[in-house]
Amino acid sequence: MSSETVVTILCGLAILVGVAGIIIPVLPGSVLIAVSLLAWAIWGGAGTVGWVIFAVAMVFVAAGMAAGALLTGRKLKQHAIPSRSVVVALAAGVVGMFVIPVVGLFAGFAAGLLVSEFLRTRNFPTAARSSWAALKATGLGMLAEFALACLAASTWIIGVWITASGS
C-alpha cells in the first residue's frame, strides 16, 4: 500500500469524524475536516486536483462554520438570550456527558439552559420559551454546518475518485 493511499484513508477517517463532530460536539468538527483536506492536498498525491478540491471544499467548510455561528447568534439575539445562559448550558452539557452516557450532553445542555433562563427571568413559561428558542437556534446552526460539511466531504470523495481514475 502506497503512502498516498494511507494518507487518503486516514484523511477520509478524519473527515468522517469531523462530520460526526458537528452533531456530537465532543468530537472536533469543521476544523478537523479543514486540516484533513489540507493534509490530503499536501501528502495525498493528488497534485493540482488535490489543491482544487481543497479550495472548493474549504469554501464549504468556511461557509458552514460561518452559517452555524451567524444563524445561531442571530436567533439568540432575536430572542434576547444572553451569552451567560449559553455558557451555563455548555457547562451543564459537559457535566451531563459524564453523568448520563450518550444523551447526557444534550440533556445537560437543555437543563442548564432552562435553569439559567429561569434564574434570569424568574418566570418558568418565559424561561421555557426562550430555552426552546435557543435550542432551535443551536439546532439550526448545527444543521447548516452539517449540511455544508457533508458537501465538503462529498467534494473530497469526488477528488479521490478523480485522482484514482486518473492513475
C-alpha atoms as a PDB file:
ATOM      1  CA  MET A   1       0.000   0.000   0.000  1.00  0.00           C
ATOM      2  CA  SER A   2       1.469   3.361  -1.010  1.00  0.00           C
ATOM      3  CA  SER A   3       1.908   6.277   1.355  1.00  0.00           C
ATOM      4  CA  GLU A   4      -0.642   8.283  -0.671  1.00  0.00           C
ATOM      5  CA  THR A   5      -3.222   5.550  -0.083  1.00  0.00           C
ATOM      6  CA  VAL A   6      -2.520   5.566   3.644  1.00  0.00           C
ATOM      7  CA  VAL A   7      -2.855   9.372   3.739  1.00  0.00           C
ATOM      8  CA  THR A   8      -6.121   9.172   1.786  1.00  0.00           C
ATOM      9  CA  ILE A   9      -7.568   6.556   4.147  1.00  0.00           C
ATOM     10  CA  LEU A  10      -6.501   8.465   7.271  1.00  0.00           C
ATOM     11  CA  CYS A  11      -7.853  11.735   5.887  1.00  0.00           C
ATOM     12  CA  GLY A  12     -11.131  10.034   4.999  1.00  0.00           C
ATOM     13  CA  LEU A  13     -11.486   8.713   8.547  1.00  0.00           C
ATOM     14  CA  ALA A  14     -10.646  12.139   9.970  1.00  0.00           C
ATOM     15  CA  ILE A  15     -13.209  13.806   7.686  1.00  0.00           C
ATOM     16  CA  LEU A  16     -15.803  11.274   8.840  1.00  0.00           C
ATOM     17  CA  VAL A  17     -15.005  12.070  12.487  1.00  0.00           C
ATOM     18  CA  GLY A  18     -15.186  15.787  11.648  1.00  0.00           C
ATOM     19  CA  VAL A  19     -18.642  15.457  10.091  1.00  0.00           C
ATOM     20  CA  ALA A  20     -19.824  13.468  13.120  1.00  0.00           C
ATOM     21  CA  GLY A  21     -18.224  16.088  15.375  1.00  0.00           C
ATOM     22  CA  ILE A  22     -20.643  18.721  14.160  1.00  0.00           C
ATOM     23  CA  ILE A  23     -23.546  16.709  15.549  1.00  0.00           C
ATOM     24  CA  ILE A  24     -21.621  15.321  18.550  1.00  0.00           C
ATOM     25  CA  PRO A  25     -19.832  18.439  19.839  1.00  0.00           C
ATOM     26  CA  VAL A  26     -17.362  16.421  21.924  1.00  0.00           C
ATOM     27  CA  LEU A  27     -15.560  15.436  18.722  1.00  0.00           C
ATOM     28  CA  PRO A  28     -13.739  18.037  16.615  1.00  0.00           C
ATOM     29  CA  GLY A  29     -15.841  19.211  13.682  1.00  0.00           C
ATOM     30  CA  SER A  30     -15.195  21.582  10.810  1.00  0.00           C
ATOM     31  CA  VAL A  31     -11.639  22.361  11.873  1.00  0.00           C
ATOM     32  CA  LEU A  32     -10.725  18.663  11.653  1.00  0.00           C
ATOM     33  CA  ILE A  33     -12.273  18.499   8.188  1.00  0.00           C
ATOM     34  CA  ALA A  34     -10.210  21.523   7.107  1.00  0.00           C
ATOM     35  CA  VAL A  35      -6.960  20.077   8.482  1.00  0.00           C
ATOM     36  CA  SER A  36      -7.693  16.716   6.823  1.00  0.00           C
ATOM     37  CA  LEU A  37      -8.367  18.356   3.472  1.00  0.00           C
ATOM     38  CA  LEU A  38      -5.099  20.254   3.739  1.00  0.00           C
ATOM     39  CA  ALA A  39      -3.171  17.102   4.664  1.00  0.00           C
ATOM     40  CA  TRP A  40      -4.684  15.276   1.705  1.00  0.00           C
ATOM     41  CA  ALA A  41      -3.817  18.131  -0.658  1.00  0.00           C
ATOM     42  CA  ILE A  42      -0.210  18.137   0.572  1.00  0.00           C
ATOM     43  CA  TRP A  43       0.509  14.410   1.017  1.00  0.00           C
ATOM     44  CA  GLY A  44      -2.320  12.610  -0.784  1.00  0.00           C
ATOM     45  CA  GLY A  45      -0.556  12.544  -4.138  1.00  0.00           C
ATOM     46  CA  ALA A  46      -3.393  14.283  -5.988  1.00  0.00           C
ATOM     47  CA  GLY A  47      -1.294  17.180  -7.283  1.00  0.00           C
ATOM     48  CA  THR A  48      -3.228  20.065  -8.798  1.00  0.00           C
ATOM     49  CA  VAL A  49      -6.533  18.206  -8.449  1.00  0.00           C
ATOM     50  CA  GLY A  50      -5.884  17.935  -4.710  1.00  0.00           C
ATOM     51  CA  TRP A  51      -5.438  21.674  -4.357  1.00  0.00           C
ATOM     52  CA  VAL A  52      -8.531  22.457  -6.423  1.00  0.00           C
ATOM     53  CA  ILE A  53     -10.578  20.030  -4.306  1.00  0.00           C
ATOM     54  CA  PHE A  54      -9.072  21.553  -1.160  1.00  0.00           C
ATOM     55  CA  ALA A  55     -10.073  25.072  -2.268  1.00  0.00           C
ATOM     56  CA  VAL A  56     -13.629  24.108  -3.217  1.00  0.00           C
ATOM     57  CA  ALA A  57     -14.186  22.027  -0.081  1.00  0.00           C
ATOM     58  CA  MET A  58     -12.737  24.782   2.113  1.00  0.00           C
ATOM     59  CA  VAL A  59     -15.352  27.169   0.750  1.00  0.00           C
ATOM     60  CA  PHE A  60     -17.996  24.735   2.049  1.00  0.00           C
ATOM     61  CA  VAL A  61     -16.224  24.322   5.406  1.00  0.00           C
ATOM     62  CA  ALA A  62     -15.841  28.081   5.902  1.00  0.00           C
ATOM     63  CA  ALA A  63     -19.428  28.731   4.828  1.00  0.00           C
ATOM     64  CA  GLY A  64     -20.634  26.052   7.237  1.00  0.00           C
ATOM     65  CA  MET A  65     -18.732  27.493  10.164  1.00  0.00           C
ATOM     66  CA  ALA A  66     -19.943  30.999   9.358  1.00  0.00           C
ATOM     67  CA  ALA A  67     -23.541  29.911   8.770  1.00  0.00           C
ATOM     68  CA  GLY A  68     -23.613  27.946  12.008  1.00  0.00           C
ATOM     69  CA  ALA A  69     -22.315  30.890  14.003  1.00  0.00           C
ATOM     70  CA  LEU A  70     -24.410  33.544  12.264  1.00  0.00           C
ATOM     71  CA  LEU A  71     -27.703  31.649  12.300  1.00  0.00           C
ATOM     72  CA  THR A  72     -27.317  30.698  15.950  1.00  0.00           C
ATOM     73  CA  GLY A  73     -26.133  34.140  17.012  1.00  0.00           C
ATOM     74  CA  ARG A  74     -28.867  35.968  15.133  1.00  0.00           C
ATOM     75  CA  LYS A  75     -31.616  33.812  16.626  1.00  0.00           C
ATOM     76  CA  LEU A  76     -30.189  34.124  20.149  1.00  0.00           C
ATOM     77  CA  LYS A  77     -30.068  37.915  19.787  1.00  0.00           C
ATOM     78  CA  GLN A  78     -33.561  37.960  18.322  1.00  0.00           C
ATOM     79  CA  HIS A  79     -34.882  36.192  21.427  1.00  0.00           C
ATOM     80  CA  ALA A  80     -32.668  38.279  23.771  1.00  0.00           C
ATOM     81  CA  ILE A  81     -30.894  35.238  25.208  1.00  0.00           C
ATOM     82  CA  PRO A  82     -27.656  36.317  26.909  1.00  0.00           C
ATOM     83  CA  SER A  83     -24.324  34.591  26.339  1.00  0.00           C
ATOM     84  CA  ARG A  84     -24.231  33.735  30.048  1.00  0.00           C
ATOM     85  CA  SER A  85     -27.162  31.343  29.604  1.00  0.00           C
ATOM     86  CA  VAL A  86     -25.403  29.603  26.720  1.00  0.00           C
ATOM     87  CA  VAL A  87     -22.168  29.288  28.722  1.00  0.00           C
ATOM     88  CA  VAL A  88     -24.083  27.800  31.674  1.00  0.00           C
ATOM     89  CA  ALA A  89     -25.812  25.403  29.265  1.00  0.00           C
ATOM     90  CA  LEU A  90     -22.476  24.334  27.774  1.00  0.00           C
ATOM     91  CA  ALA A  91     -21.024  23.697  31.231  1.00  0.00           C
ATOM     92  CA  ALA A  92     -24.103  21.706  32.233  1.00  0.00           C
ATOM     93  CA  GLY A  93     -23.809  19.765  28.969  1.00  0.00           C
ATOM     94  CA  VAL A  94     -20.231  18.782  29.769  1.00  0.00           C
ATOM     95  CA  VAL A  95     -21.270  17.648  33.257  1.00  0.00           C
ATOM     96  CA  GLY A  96     -24.257  15.798  31.798  1.00  0.00           C
ATOM     97  CA  MET A  97     -21.980  13.990  29.376  1.00  0.00           C
ATOM     98  CA  PHE A  98     -20.200  12.340  32.316  1.00  0.00           C
ATOM     99  CA  VAL A  99     -23.324  11.751  34.405  1.00  0.00           C
ATOM    100  CA  ILE A 100     -25.614  10.310  31.714  1.00  0.00           C
ATOM    101  CA  PRO A 101     -23.804   8.406  28.952  1.00  0.00           C
ATOM    102  CA  VAL A 102     -24.788   9.045  25.320  1.00  0.00           C
ATOM    103  CA  VAL A 103     -27.569  11.628  25.831  1.00  0.00           C
ATOM    104  CA  GLY A 104     -26.088  13.494  28.800  1.00  0.00           C
ATOM    105  CA  LEU A 105     -24.526  16.221  26.707  1.00  0.00           C
ATOM    106  CA  PHE A 106     -27.835  17.173  25.123  1.00  0.00           C
ATOM    107  CA  ALA A 107     -29.897  16.688  28.297  1.00  0.00           C
ATOM    108  CA  GLY A 108     -27.395  18.671  30.351  1.00  0.00           C
ATOM    109  CA  PHE A 109     -27.296  21.475  27.793  1.00  0.00           C
ATOM    110  CA  ALA A 110     -31.095  21.754  27.710  1.00  0.00           C
ATOM    111  CA  ALA A 111     -31.437  21.556  31.506  1.00  0.00           C
ATOM    112  CA  GLY A 112     -28.653  24.068  32.084  1.00  0.00           C
ATOM    113  CA  LEU A 113     -30.202  26.466  29.611  1.00  0.00           C
ATOM    114  CA  LEU A 114     -33.635  26.163  31.208  1.00  0.00           C
ATOM    115  CA  VAL A 115     -32.285  26.677  34.730  1.00  0.00           C
ATOM    116  CA  SER A 116     -30.162  29.645  33.685  1.00  0.00           C
ATOM    117  CA  GLU A 117     -33.072  31.270  31.872  1.00  0.00           C
ATOM    118  CA  PHE A 118     -35.385  30.626  34.822  1.00  0.00           C
ATOM    119  CA  LEU A 119     -32.898  32.257  37.207  1.00  0.00           C
ATOM    120  CA  ARG A 120     -32.628  35.208  34.826  1.00  0.00           C
ATOM    121  CA  THR A 121     -36.341  35.730  34.161  1.00  0.00           C
ATOM    122  CA  ARG A 122     -37.904  34.288  37.358  1.00  0.00           C
ATOM    123  CA  ASN A 123     -40.773  33.101  35.172  1.00  0.00           C
ATOM    124  CA  PHE A 124     -40.939  29.460  34.114  1.00  0.00           C
ATOM    125  CA  PRO A 125     -43.083  29.863  30.952  1.00  0.00           C
ATOM    126  CA  THR A 126     -40.820  32.673  29.722  1.00  0.00           C
ATOM    127  CA  ALA A 127     -37.711  30.630  30.542  1.00  0.00           C
ATOM    128  CA  ALA A 128     -39.148  27.609  28.736  1.00  0.00           C
ATOM    129  CA  ARG A 129     -39.964  29.695  25.634  1.00  0.00           C
ATOM    130  CA  SER A 130     -36.531  31.316  25.493  1.00  0.00           C
ATOM    131  CA  SER A 131     -34.794  27.989  26.155  1.00  0.00           C
ATOM    132  CA  TRP A 132     -36.758  26.328  23.364  1.00  0.00           C
ATOM    133  CA  ALA A 133     -35.845  29.216  21.037  1.00  0.00           C
ATOM    134  CA  ALA A 134     -32.163  28.809  21.957  1.00  0.00           C
ATOM    135  CA  LEU A 135     -32.302  25.045  21.381  1.00  0.00           C
ATOM    136  CA  LYS A 136     -33.920  25.561  17.975  1.00  0.00           C
ATOM    137  CA  ALA A 137     -31.317  28.200  17.084  1.00  0.00           C
ATOM    138  CA  THR A 138     -28.491  25.870  18.088  1.00  0.00           C
ATOM    139  CA  GLY A 139     -30.042  23.034  16.092  1.00  0.00           C
ATOM    140  CA  LEU A 140     -30.486  25.242  13.036  1.00  0.00           C
ATOM    141  CA  GLY A 141     -26.846  26.328  13.193  1.00  0.00           C
ATOM    142  CA  MET A 142     -25.687  22.731  13.577  1.00  0.00           C
ATOM    143  CA  LEU A 143     -27.871  21.624  10.681  1.00  0.00           C
ATOM    144  CA  ALA A 144     -26.459  24.294   8.359  1.00  0.00           C
ATOM    145  CA  GLU A 145     -22.878  23.469   9.350  1.00  0.00           C
ATOM    146  CA  PHE A 146     -23.557  19.729   8.998  1.00  0.00           C
ATOM    147  CA  ALA A 147     -25.022  20.133   5.503  1.00  0.00           C
ATOM    148  CA  LEU A 148     -22.062  22.175   4.315  1.00  0.00           C
ATOM    149  CA  ALA A 149     -19.593  19.758   5.942  1.00  0.00           C
ATOM    150  CA  CYS A 150     -21.283  16.935   4.036  1.00  0.00           C
ATOM    151  CA  LEU A 151     -20.814  18.928   0.829  1.00  0.00           C
ATOM    152  CA  ALA A 152     -17.124  19.366   1.679  1.00  0.00           C
ATOM    153  CA  ALA A 153     -16.786  15.636   2.349  1.00  0.00           C
ATOM    154  CA  SER A 154     -18.577  14.857  -0.917  1.00  0.00           C
ATOM    155  CA  THR A 155     -16.227  17.192  -2.751  1.00  0.00           C
ATOM    156  CA  TRP A 156     -13.267  15.320  -1.256  1.00  0.00           C
ATOM    157  CA  ILE A 157     -14.783  11.974  -2.311  1.00  0.00           C
ATOM    158  CA  ILE A 158     -15.124  13.289  -5.858  1.00  0.00           C
ATOM    159  CA  GLY A 159     -11.485  14.380  -5.706  1.00  0.00           C
ATOM    160  CA  VAL A 160     -10.385  10.940  -4.523  1.00  0.00           C
ATOM    161  CA  TRP A 161     -12.392   9.355  -7.329  1.00  0.00           C
ATOM    162  CA  ILE A 162     -10.880  11.694  -9.956  1.00  0.00           C
ATOM    163  CA  THR A 163      -7.385  11.027  -8.632  1.00  0.00           C
ATOM    164  CA  ALA A 164      -7.898   7.252  -8.501  1.00  0.00           C
ATOM    165  CA  SER A 165      -9.379   7.078 -12.006  1.00  0.00           C
ATOM    166  CA  GLY A 166      -6.533   9.148 -13.411  1.00  0.00           C
ATOM    167  CA  SER A 167      -3.869   6.812 -12.037  1.00  0.00           C
END
